[in-house]
Amino acid sequence: MRDYRLTTAEILYHLPDHPAVLQSYIWQDLDLAPRFPKLHEFLDFWSRSLDGKLHSVRVGSATLITPPRWSAPHVLTVQ
């Protein structure tokens, strides 16, 4: 699982019937950072097979195994 990360991509694309309108699609999978071959494979498929032209892709990723984090809860005082 080395270098695999949970990868999330927000894909904005033009609607085929209304090119001035953008639609959002969320893609998520385990992928190898920093090259993200599965994401590139999906985007290649999109470009070849789907009508909605890609506008932009925003990518975020997080390592799968991380040390536990704890933070004190926020306490609100009600008077």
C-alpha atoms as a PDB file:
ATOM      1  CA  MET A   1       0.000   0.000   0.000  1.00  0.00           C
ATOM      2  CA  ARG A   2       3.070   2.212  -0.146  1.00  0.00           C
ATOM      3  CA  ASP A   3       2.333   5.535  -1.861  1.00  0.00           C
ATOM      4  CA  TYR A   4      -1.339   4.635  -2.335  1.00  0.00           C
ATOM      5  CA  ARG A   5      -3.642   7.416  -1.240  1.00  0.00           C
ATOM      6  CA  LEU A   6      -7.326   8.022  -1.071  1.00  0.00           C
ATOM      7  CA  THR A   7      -7.665  10.404  -3.998  1.00  0.00           C
ATOM      8  CA  THR A   8     -10.639  12.649  -4.633  1.00  0.00           C
ATOM      9  CA  ALA A   9     -11.035  14.686  -7.798  1.00  0.00           C
ATOM     10  CA  GLU A  10     -13.629  17.360  -8.454  1.00  0.00           C
ATOM     11  CA  ILE A  11     -14.161  17.376 -12.214  1.00  0.00           C
ATOM     12  CA  LEU A  12     -15.874  20.354 -13.811  1.00  0.00           C
ATOM     13  CA  TYR A  13     -17.187  19.774 -17.309  1.00  0.00           C
ATOM     14  CA  HIS A  14     -19.339  21.536 -19.877  1.00  0.00           C
ATOM     15  CA  LEU A  15     -22.857  20.188 -20.384  1.00  0.00           C
ATOM     16  CA  PRO A  16     -23.084  18.855 -23.957  1.00  0.00           C
ATOM     17  CA  ASP A  17     -26.401  20.587 -24.733  1.00  0.00           C
ATOM     18  CA  HIS A  18     -25.506  23.817 -22.895  1.00  0.00           C
ATOM     19  CA  PRO A  19     -21.730  24.382 -23.225  1.00  0.00           C
ATOM     20  CA  ALA A  20     -21.836  27.610 -21.193  1.00  0.00           C
ATOM     21  CA  VAL A  21     -23.054  25.635 -18.144  1.00  0.00           C
ATOM     22  CA  LEU A  22     -20.601  23.734 -15.951  1.00  0.00           C
ATOM     23  CA  GLN A  23     -21.485  20.581 -14.045  1.00  0.00           C
ATOM     24  CA  SER A  24     -19.495  19.024 -11.204  1.00  0.00           C
ATOM     25  CA  TYR A  25     -18.580  15.332 -10.880  1.00  0.00           C
ATOM     26  CA  ILE A  26     -16.760  13.812  -7.889  1.00  0.00           C
ATOM     27  CA  TRP A  27     -14.408  10.866  -8.545  1.00  0.00           C
ATOM     28  CA  GLN A  28     -12.766   8.936  -5.706  1.00  0.00           C
ATOM     29  CA  ASP A  29     -10.466   5.902  -5.651  1.00  0.00           C
ATOM     30  CA  LEU A  30      -7.196   4.623  -4.235  1.00  0.00           C
ATOM     31  CA  ASP A  31      -4.397   5.865  -6.451  1.00  0.00           C
ATOM     32  CA  LEU A  32      -0.621   6.112  -6.493  1.00  0.00           C
ATOM     33  CA  ALA A  33       0.723   9.529  -5.599  1.00  0.00           C
ATOM     34  CA  PRO A  34       2.090  11.720  -7.092  1.00  0.00           C
ATOM     35  CA  ARG A  35       1.409  10.476 -10.640  1.00  0.00           C
ATOM     36  CA  PHE A  36      -2.209   9.330 -10.077  1.00  0.00           C
ATOM     37  CA  PRO A  37      -2.343   6.785 -12.940  1.00  0.00           C
ATOM     38  CA  LYS A  38      -5.929   5.653 -12.177  1.00  0.00           C
ATOM     39  CA  LEU A  39      -7.174   9.232 -12.302  1.00  0.00           C
ATOM     40  CA  HIS A  40      -5.386   9.833 -15.602  1.00  0.00           C
ATOM     41  CA  GLU A  41      -6.862   6.602 -16.972  1.00  0.00           C
ATOM     42  CA  PHE A  42     -10.346   7.775 -15.973  1.00  0.00           C
ATOM     43  CA  LEU A  43      -9.822  11.222 -17.503  1.00  0.00           C
ATOM     44  CA  ASP A  44      -8.572   9.621 -20.743  1.00  0.00           C
ATOM     45  CA  PHE A  45     -11.706   7.459 -20.805  1.00  0.00           C
ATOM     46  CA  TRP A  46     -13.831  10.570 -20.201  1.00  0.00           C
ATOM     47  CA  SER A  47     -12.198  12.468 -23.067  1.00  0.00           C
ATOM     48  CA  ARG A  48     -12.596   9.527 -25.475  1.00  0.00           C
ATOM     49  CA  SER A  49     -16.073   8.318 -24.531  1.00  0.00           C
ATOM     50  CA  LEU A  50     -18.196  11.066 -22.983  1.00  0.00           C
ATOM     51  CA  ASP A  51     -19.696  14.141 -24.590  1.00  0.00           C
ATOM     52  CA  GLY A  52     -19.089  16.635 -21.767  1.00  0.00           C
ATOM     53  CA  LYS A  53     -15.837  18.496 -22.500  1.00  0.00           C
ATOM     54  CA  LEU A  54     -13.564  18.740 -19.450  1.00  0.00           C
ATOM     55  CA  HIS A  55     -13.133  22.214 -17.996  1.00  0.00           C
ATOM     56  CA  SER A  56     -10.926  21.615 -14.945  1.00  0.00           C
ATOM     57  CA  VAL A  57      -9.923  18.998 -12.391  1.00  0.00           C
ATOM     58  CA  ARG A  58      -9.099  19.693  -8.753  1.00  0.00           C
ATOM     59  CA  VAL A  59      -7.336  16.854  -6.911  1.00  0.00           C
ATOM     60  CA  GLY A  60      -6.937  16.150  -3.217  1.00  0.00           C
ATOM     61  CA  SER A  61      -5.348  13.113  -1.623  1.00  0.00           C
ATOM     62  CA  ALA A  62      -4.643  11.775   1.839  1.00  0.00           C
ATOM     63  CA  THR A  63      -2.359   9.012   3.017  1.00  0.00           C
ATOM     64  CA  LEU A  64      -4.181   5.868   4.090  1.00  0.00           C
ATOM     65  CA  ILE A  65      -2.270   5.137   7.254  1.00  0.00           C
ATOM     66  CA  THR A  66      -1.715   8.041   9.593  1.00  0.00           C
ATOM     67  CA  PRO A  67      -1.132   8.318  13.306  1.00  0.00           C
ATOM     68  CA  PRO A  68      -4.263   8.999  15.320  1.00  0.00           C
ATOM     69  CA  ARG A  69      -5.020  12.636  15.983  1.00  0.00           C
ATOM     70  CA  TRP A  70      -6.861  13.954  18.962  1.00  0.00           C
ATOM     71  CA  SER A  71      -7.891  17.479  19.698  1.00  0.00           C
ATOM     72  CA  ALA A  72      -9.800  18.814  22.633  1.00  0.00           C
ATOM     73  CA  PRO A  73     -13.428  19.534  21.781  1.00  0.00           C
ATOM     74  CA  HIS A  74     -14.459  23.140  21.563  1.00  0.00           C
ATOM     75  CA  VAL A  75     -16.453  24.142  24.603  1.00  0.00           C
ATOM     76  CA  LEU A  76     -19.024  26.885  24.303  1.00  0.00           C
ATOM     77  CA  THR A  77     -20.137  28.736  27.387  1.00  0.00           C
ATOM     78  CA  VAL A  78     -23.823  29.546  27.416  1.00  0.00           C
ATOM     79  CA  GLN A  79     -25.004  32.264  29.778  1.00  0.00           C
END
